[in-house]
């Protein structure tokens, strides 16, 4: 029998490693979330523990911006509702003041049931 001494490296499931440089794929996962999810899913399915760790990190890097986006939308809605409520209360106060002062807008206060 002859040994195979070819310079080509044979790969199998146990010697497969994550791509280098890893940080580049983490940055890609952060800014292009769908790529991070796909890369993470591919590497999470590999039997090598280091590949699964790399896939998990890519998934985490892809999910963080999505969660930050949802948090920003939640804060925006919260402030929009607070502003709307403040504006409505302010306008009710203006209408009530106009109704109490007998001004030309007194009928609006009467319609609103304030004056």
N, C-alpha and C. Protein backbone atom coordinates (compact mmCIF):
# COMPACT_ATOMS: atom_id res chain seq x y z
N UNK A 1 0.83 -1.17 0.00
CA UNK A 1 0.00 0.00 0.00
C UNK A 1 0.88 1.25 0.00
N UNK A 2 0.39 2.23 -0.70
CA UNK A 2 1.13 3.49 -0.73
C UNK A 2 0.37 4.53 0.08
N UNK A 3 1.15 5.37 0.71
CA UNK A 3 0.54 6.45 1.47
C UNK A 3 0.26 7.63 0.57
N UNK A 4 -0.78 8.33 0.88
CA UNK A 4 -1.13 9.52 0.12
C UNK A 4 -0.43 10.72 0.75
N UNK A 5 0.58 11.26 0.08
CA UNK A 5 1.34 12.38 0.61
C UNK A 5 1.08 13.65 -0.20
N UNK A 6 -0.10 13.79 -0.71
CA UNK A 6 -0.43 14.96 -1.51
C UNK A 6 -0.55 16.18 -0.59
N UNK A 7 -0.20 17.37 -1.10
CA UNK A 7 -0.26 18.57 -0.27
C UNK A 7 -1.69 19.07 -0.03
N UNK A 8 -2.65 18.45 -0.69
CA UNK A 8 -4.03 18.87 -0.51
C UNK A 8 -4.51 18.39 0.84
N UNK A 9 -5.06 19.29 1.62
CA UNK A 9 -5.55 18.94 2.95
C UNK A 9 -6.94 18.33 2.83
N UNK A 10 -7.09 17.19 3.36
CA UNK A 10 -8.39 16.54 3.36
C UNK A 10 -9.19 17.08 4.54
N UNK A 11 -10.44 17.38 4.27
CA UNK A 11 -11.28 17.90 5.34
C UNK A 11 -12.32 16.86 5.72
N UNK A 12 -12.58 16.82 6.98
CA UNK A 12 -13.70 16.03 7.47
C UNK A 12 -14.39 16.84 8.56
N UNK A 13 -15.42 16.30 9.13
CA UNK A 13 -16.25 17.06 10.06
C UNK A 13 -15.49 17.44 11.33
N UNK A 14 -14.49 16.66 11.71
CA UNK A 14 -13.82 16.94 12.97
C UNK A 14 -12.72 17.99 12.82
N UNK A 15 -12.18 18.18 11.63
CA UNK A 15 -11.10 19.16 11.47
C UNK A 15 -11.56 20.47 10.85
N UNK A 16 -12.83 20.59 10.56
CA UNK A 16 -13.32 21.82 9.95
C UNK A 16 -13.32 22.94 10.97
N UNK A 17 -12.85 24.10 10.53
CA UNK A 17 -12.74 25.27 11.41
C UNK A 17 -13.58 26.41 10.85
N UNK A 18 -13.95 27.36 11.70
CA UNK A 18 -14.67 28.54 11.22
C UNK A 18 -13.79 29.37 10.30
N UNK A 19 -14.39 30.20 9.47
CA UNK A 19 -13.60 31.01 8.54
C UNK A 19 -12.79 32.06 9.28
N UNK A 20 -11.70 32.46 8.67
CA UNK A 20 -10.85 33.51 9.23
C UNK A 20 -10.95 34.73 8.35
N UNK A 21 -10.90 35.91 8.81
CA UNK A 21 -10.96 36.34 10.21
C UNK A 21 -12.40 36.32 10.72
N UNK A 22 -12.57 35.85 11.91
CA UNK A 22 -13.92 35.72 12.48
C UNK A 22 -14.57 37.08 12.69
N UNK A 23 -13.81 38.08 13.10
CA UNK A 23 -14.38 39.40 13.39
C UNK A 23 -15.07 39.98 12.18
N UNK A 24 -14.57 39.67 10.98
CA UNK A 24 -15.19 40.18 9.76
C UNK A 24 -16.60 39.63 9.60
N UNK A 25 -16.78 38.37 9.93
CA UNK A 25 -18.10 37.76 9.83
C UNK A 25 -19.03 38.27 10.94
N UNK A 26 -18.47 38.61 12.09
CA UNK A 26 -19.29 39.20 13.15
C UNK A 26 -19.78 40.58 12.75
N UNK A 27 -18.91 41.36 12.14
CA UNK A 27 -19.31 42.70 11.67
C UNK A 27 -20.35 42.57 10.57
N UNK A 28 -20.14 41.64 9.63
CA UNK A 28 -21.12 41.38 8.58
C UNK A 28 -22.46 40.96 9.18
N UNK A 29 -22.42 40.11 10.19
CA UNK A 29 -23.66 39.66 10.84
C UNK A 29 -24.38 40.82 11.51
N UNK A 30 -23.63 41.76 12.08
CA UNK A 30 -24.24 42.89 12.77
C UNK A 30 -24.93 43.83 11.79
N UNK A 31 -24.29 44.12 10.66
CA UNK A 31 -24.83 45.10 9.73
C UNK A 31 -25.77 44.50 8.68
N UNK A 32 -25.60 43.24 8.36
CA UNK A 32 -26.48 42.55 7.40
C UNK A 32 -27.05 41.34 8.14
N UNK A 33 -28.17 41.56 8.82
CA UNK A 33 -28.68 40.55 9.75
C UNK A 33 -29.06 39.25 9.06
N UNK A 34 -29.60 39.32 7.85
CA UNK A 34 -30.00 38.09 7.17
C UNK A 34 -28.77 37.22 6.87
N UNK A 35 -27.65 37.86 6.54
CA UNK A 35 -26.41 37.11 6.30
C UNK A 35 -25.94 36.46 7.60
N UNK A 36 -26.05 37.19 8.71
CA UNK A 36 -25.65 36.63 9.99
C UNK A 36 -26.51 35.45 10.40
N UNK A 37 -27.80 35.54 10.12
CA UNK A 37 -28.69 34.43 10.46
C UNK A 37 -28.37 33.20 9.61
N UNK A 38 -28.11 33.44 8.32
CA UNK A 38 -27.78 32.31 7.43
C UNK A 38 -26.45 31.69 7.83
N UNK A 39 -25.42 32.52 8.05
CA UNK A 39 -24.10 32.01 8.45
C UNK A 39 -24.22 31.27 9.78
N UNK A 40 -24.94 31.86 10.71
CA UNK A 40 -25.11 31.22 12.01
C UNK A 40 -25.82 29.88 11.91
N UNK A 41 -26.86 29.81 11.10
CA UNK A 41 -27.59 28.55 10.95
C UNK A 41 -26.71 27.48 10.31
N UNK A 42 -25.93 27.88 9.33
CA UNK A 42 -25.04 26.90 8.66
C UNK A 42 -24.02 26.35 9.65
N UNK A 43 -23.37 27.24 10.39
CA UNK A 43 -22.31 26.79 11.30
C UNK A 43 -22.86 26.15 12.57
N UNK A 44 -24.09 26.45 12.95
CA UNK A 44 -24.67 25.77 14.12
C UNK A 44 -24.97 24.30 13.80
N UNK A 45 -25.14 23.98 12.54
CA UNK A 45 -25.43 22.61 12.14
C UNK A 45 -24.21 21.73 11.99
N UNK A 46 -23.03 22.29 12.14
CA UNK A 46 -21.80 21.50 11.99
C UNK A 46 -21.48 20.79 13.30
N UNK A 47 -20.85 19.61 13.21
CA UNK A 47 -20.59 18.84 14.43
C UNK A 47 -19.45 19.38 15.29
N UNK A 48 -18.57 20.19 14.73
CA UNK A 48 -17.43 20.72 15.46
C UNK A 48 -17.89 21.75 16.49
N UNK A 49 -17.38 21.66 17.71
CA UNK A 49 -17.77 22.57 18.78
C UNK A 49 -17.37 24.01 18.48
N UNK A 50 -16.21 24.21 17.88
CA UNK A 50 -15.76 25.57 17.55
C UNK A 50 -16.62 26.19 16.45
N UNK A 51 -17.07 25.37 15.51
CA UNK A 51 -17.98 25.88 14.46
C UNK A 51 -19.33 26.26 15.05
N UNK A 52 -19.83 25.47 16.00
CA UNK A 52 -21.10 25.80 16.64
C UNK A 52 -20.99 27.08 17.45
N UNK A 53 -19.84 27.28 18.11
CA UNK A 53 -19.62 28.52 18.86
C UNK A 53 -19.61 29.72 17.92
N UNK A 54 -18.93 29.57 16.79
CA UNK A 54 -18.88 30.63 15.79
C UNK A 54 -20.29 30.93 15.26
N UNK A 55 -21.07 29.90 14.97
CA UNK A 55 -22.44 30.09 14.49
C UNK A 55 -23.32 30.77 15.52
N UNK A 56 -23.16 30.40 16.79
CA UNK A 56 -23.93 31.03 17.86
C UNK A 56 -23.57 32.51 17.97
N UNK A 57 -22.30 32.83 17.88
CA UNK A 57 -21.87 34.22 17.95
C UNK A 57 -22.39 35.03 16.77
N UNK A 58 -22.43 34.43 15.58
CA UNK A 58 -22.99 35.13 14.41
C UNK A 58 -24.48 35.38 14.60
N UNK A 59 -25.19 34.41 15.15
CA UNK A 59 -26.63 34.61 15.42
C UNK A 59 -26.85 35.71 16.45
N UNK A 60 -26.04 35.72 17.48
CA UNK A 60 -26.17 36.77 18.50
C UNK A 60 -25.87 38.14 17.88
N UNK A 61 -24.82 38.21 17.05
CA UNK A 61 -24.48 39.47 16.40
C UNK A 61 -25.57 39.92 15.43
N UNK A 62 -26.35 39.01 14.90
CA UNK A 62 -27.44 39.37 13.99
C UNK A 62 -28.70 39.76 14.75
N UNK A 63 -28.91 39.20 15.92
CA UNK A 63 -30.14 39.46 16.67
C UNK A 63 -30.05 40.76 17.46
N UNK A 64 -28.87 41.14 17.92
CA UNK A 64 -28.72 42.36 18.72
C UNK A 64 -29.24 43.60 18.00
N UNK A 65 -28.90 43.87 16.73
CA UNK A 65 -29.45 45.07 16.09
C UNK A 65 -30.97 45.01 15.90
N UNK A 66 -31.50 43.82 15.71
CA UNK A 66 -32.95 43.69 15.58
C UNK A 66 -33.62 44.07 16.90
N UNK A 67 -33.07 43.61 18.02
CA UNK A 67 -33.62 43.96 19.32
C UNK A 67 -33.46 45.46 19.61
N UNK A 68 -32.33 46.04 19.22
CA UNK A 68 -32.13 47.47 19.40
C UNK A 68 -33.14 48.27 18.58
N UNK A 69 -33.42 47.81 17.37
CA UNK A 69 -34.41 48.48 16.53
C UNK A 69 -35.80 48.43 17.19
N UNK A 70 -36.17 47.27 17.70
CA UNK A 70 -37.47 47.13 18.37
C UNK A 70 -37.54 48.02 19.60
N UNK A 71 -36.44 48.12 20.36
CA UNK A 71 -36.41 48.98 21.53
C UNK A 71 -36.59 50.45 21.13
N UNK A 72 -35.93 50.87 20.06
CA UNK A 72 -36.06 52.26 19.60
C UNK A 72 -37.50 52.55 19.15
N UNK A 73 -38.12 51.62 18.46
CA UNK A 73 -39.50 51.80 18.02
C UNK A 73 -40.42 51.90 19.24
N UNK A 74 -40.19 51.06 20.25
CA UNK A 74 -41.00 51.09 21.47
C UNK A 74 -40.85 52.44 22.17
N UNK A 75 -39.63 52.94 22.30
CA UNK A 75 -39.40 54.23 22.95
C UNK A 75 -40.05 55.35 22.13
N UNK A 76 -39.95 55.28 20.82
CA UNK A 76 -40.58 56.29 19.97
C UNK A 76 -42.09 56.30 20.17
N UNK A 77 -42.72 55.14 20.18
CA UNK A 77 -44.17 55.06 20.38
C UNK A 77 -44.54 55.57 21.76
N UNK A 78 -43.75 55.22 22.76
CA UNK A 78 -44.01 55.69 24.11
C UNK A 78 -43.99 57.21 24.18
N UNK A 79 -42.98 57.84 23.59
CA UNK A 79 -42.91 59.29 23.61
C UNK A 79 -43.98 59.93 22.73
N UNK A 80 -44.34 59.29 21.63
CA UNK A 80 -45.40 59.83 20.78
C UNK A 80 -46.74 59.83 21.51
N UNK A 81 -47.03 58.76 22.22
CA UNK A 81 -48.28 58.68 22.99
C UNK A 81 -48.26 59.71 24.11
N UNK A 82 -47.12 59.84 24.79
CA UNK A 82 -47.03 60.82 25.88
C UNK A 82 -47.22 62.24 25.33
N UNK A 83 -46.62 62.53 24.20
CA UNK A 83 -46.78 63.85 23.59
C UNK A 83 -48.24 64.08 23.19
N UNK A 84 -48.88 63.07 22.62
CA UNK A 84 -50.27 63.20 22.21
C UNK A 84 -51.17 63.47 23.41
N UNK A 85 -50.95 62.72 24.49
CA UNK A 85 -51.76 62.91 25.70
C UNK A 85 -51.52 64.30 26.26
N UNK A 86 -50.27 64.74 26.31
CA UNK A 86 -49.97 66.08 26.79
C UNK A 86 -50.65 67.13 25.93
N UNK A 87 -50.62 66.96 24.62
CA UNK A 87 -51.23 67.91 23.71
C UNK A 87 -52.74 67.96 23.91
N UNK A 88 -53.38 66.81 24.06
CA UNK A 88 -54.83 66.76 24.25
C UNK A 88 -55.20 67.43 25.56
N UNK A 89 -54.46 67.14 26.63
CA UNK A 89 -54.75 67.76 27.92
C UNK A 89 -54.55 69.27 27.83
N UNK A 90 -53.52 69.70 27.15
CA UNK A 90 -53.28 71.13 26.97
C UNK A 90 -54.41 71.79 26.20
N UNK A 91 -54.86 71.15 25.13
CA UNK A 91 -55.95 71.72 24.34
C UNK A 91 -57.26 71.75 25.12
N UNK A 92 -57.52 70.74 25.93
CA UNK A 92 -58.72 70.75 26.76
C UNK A 92 -58.65 71.90 27.75
N UNK A 93 -57.46 72.13 28.29
CA UNK A 93 -57.29 73.26 29.20
C UNK A 93 -57.50 74.59 28.51
N UNK A 94 -57.01 74.73 27.29
CA UNK A 94 -57.20 75.97 26.53
C UNK A 94 -58.68 76.17 26.21
N UNK A 95 -59.34 75.10 25.83
CA UNK A 95 -60.77 75.19 25.52
C UNK A 95 -61.56 75.54 26.77
N UNK A 96 -61.19 74.93 27.89
CA UNK A 96 -61.89 75.22 29.15
C UNK A 96 -61.66 76.66 29.56
N UNK A 97 -60.44 77.13 29.41
CA UNK A 97 -60.15 78.52 29.75
C UNK A 97 -60.93 79.47 28.86
N UNK A 98 -61.03 79.14 27.57
CA UNK A 98 -61.81 80.00 26.67
C UNK A 98 -63.28 79.98 27.05
N UNK A 99 -63.78 78.84 27.49
CA UNK A 99 -65.18 78.75 27.90
C UNK A 99 -65.46 79.51 29.17
N UNK A 100 -64.52 79.47 30.12
CA UNK A 100 -64.71 80.17 31.39
C UNK A 100 -64.57 81.68 31.23
N UNK A 101 -63.76 82.08 30.27
CA UNK A 101 -63.55 83.51 30.11
C UNK A 101 -64.62 84.15 29.25
N UNK A 102 -65.51 83.36 28.68
CA UNK A 102 -66.58 83.91 27.87
C UNK A 102 -66.11 84.43 26.53
N UNK A 103 -65.01 83.92 26.06
CA UNK A 103 -64.46 84.38 24.79
C UNK A 103 -65.23 83.81 23.61
N UNK A 104 -64.71 84.06 22.45
CA UNK A 104 -65.41 83.64 21.23
C UNK A 104 -65.40 82.13 21.04
N UNK A 105 -64.52 81.42 21.77
CA UNK A 105 -64.47 79.97 21.65
C UNK A 105 -65.23 79.28 22.79
N UNK A 106 -66.07 80.00 23.47
CA UNK A 106 -66.80 79.45 24.61
C UNK A 106 -67.71 78.31 24.18
N UNK A 107 -68.23 78.37 22.95
CA UNK A 107 -69.11 77.29 22.50
C UNK A 107 -68.37 75.97 22.38
N UNK A 108 -67.05 75.99 22.12
CA UNK A 108 -66.28 74.75 22.03
C UNK A 108 -66.22 74.10 23.41
N UNK A 109 -65.99 74.92 24.44
CA UNK A 109 -65.99 74.40 25.79
C UNK A 109 -67.33 73.84 26.17
N UNK A 110 -68.40 74.49 25.71
CA UNK A 110 -69.75 73.98 26.01
C UNK A 110 -69.99 72.66 25.29
N UNK A 111 -69.50 72.55 24.06
CA UNK A 111 -69.66 71.30 23.31
C UNK A 111 -68.88 70.17 23.98
N UNK A 112 -67.72 70.51 24.51
CA UNK A 112 -66.90 69.48 25.16
C UNK A 112 -67.41 69.14 26.55
N UNK A 113 -68.38 69.91 27.06
CA UNK A 113 -68.94 69.64 28.38
C UNK A 113 -68.07 70.17 29.50
N UNK A 114 -67.17 71.08 29.16
CA UNK A 114 -66.24 71.60 30.17
C UNK A 114 -66.81 72.85 30.82
N UNK A 115 -67.36 73.74 30.00
CA UNK A 115 -67.83 75.02 30.55
C UNK A 115 -69.34 75.01 30.69
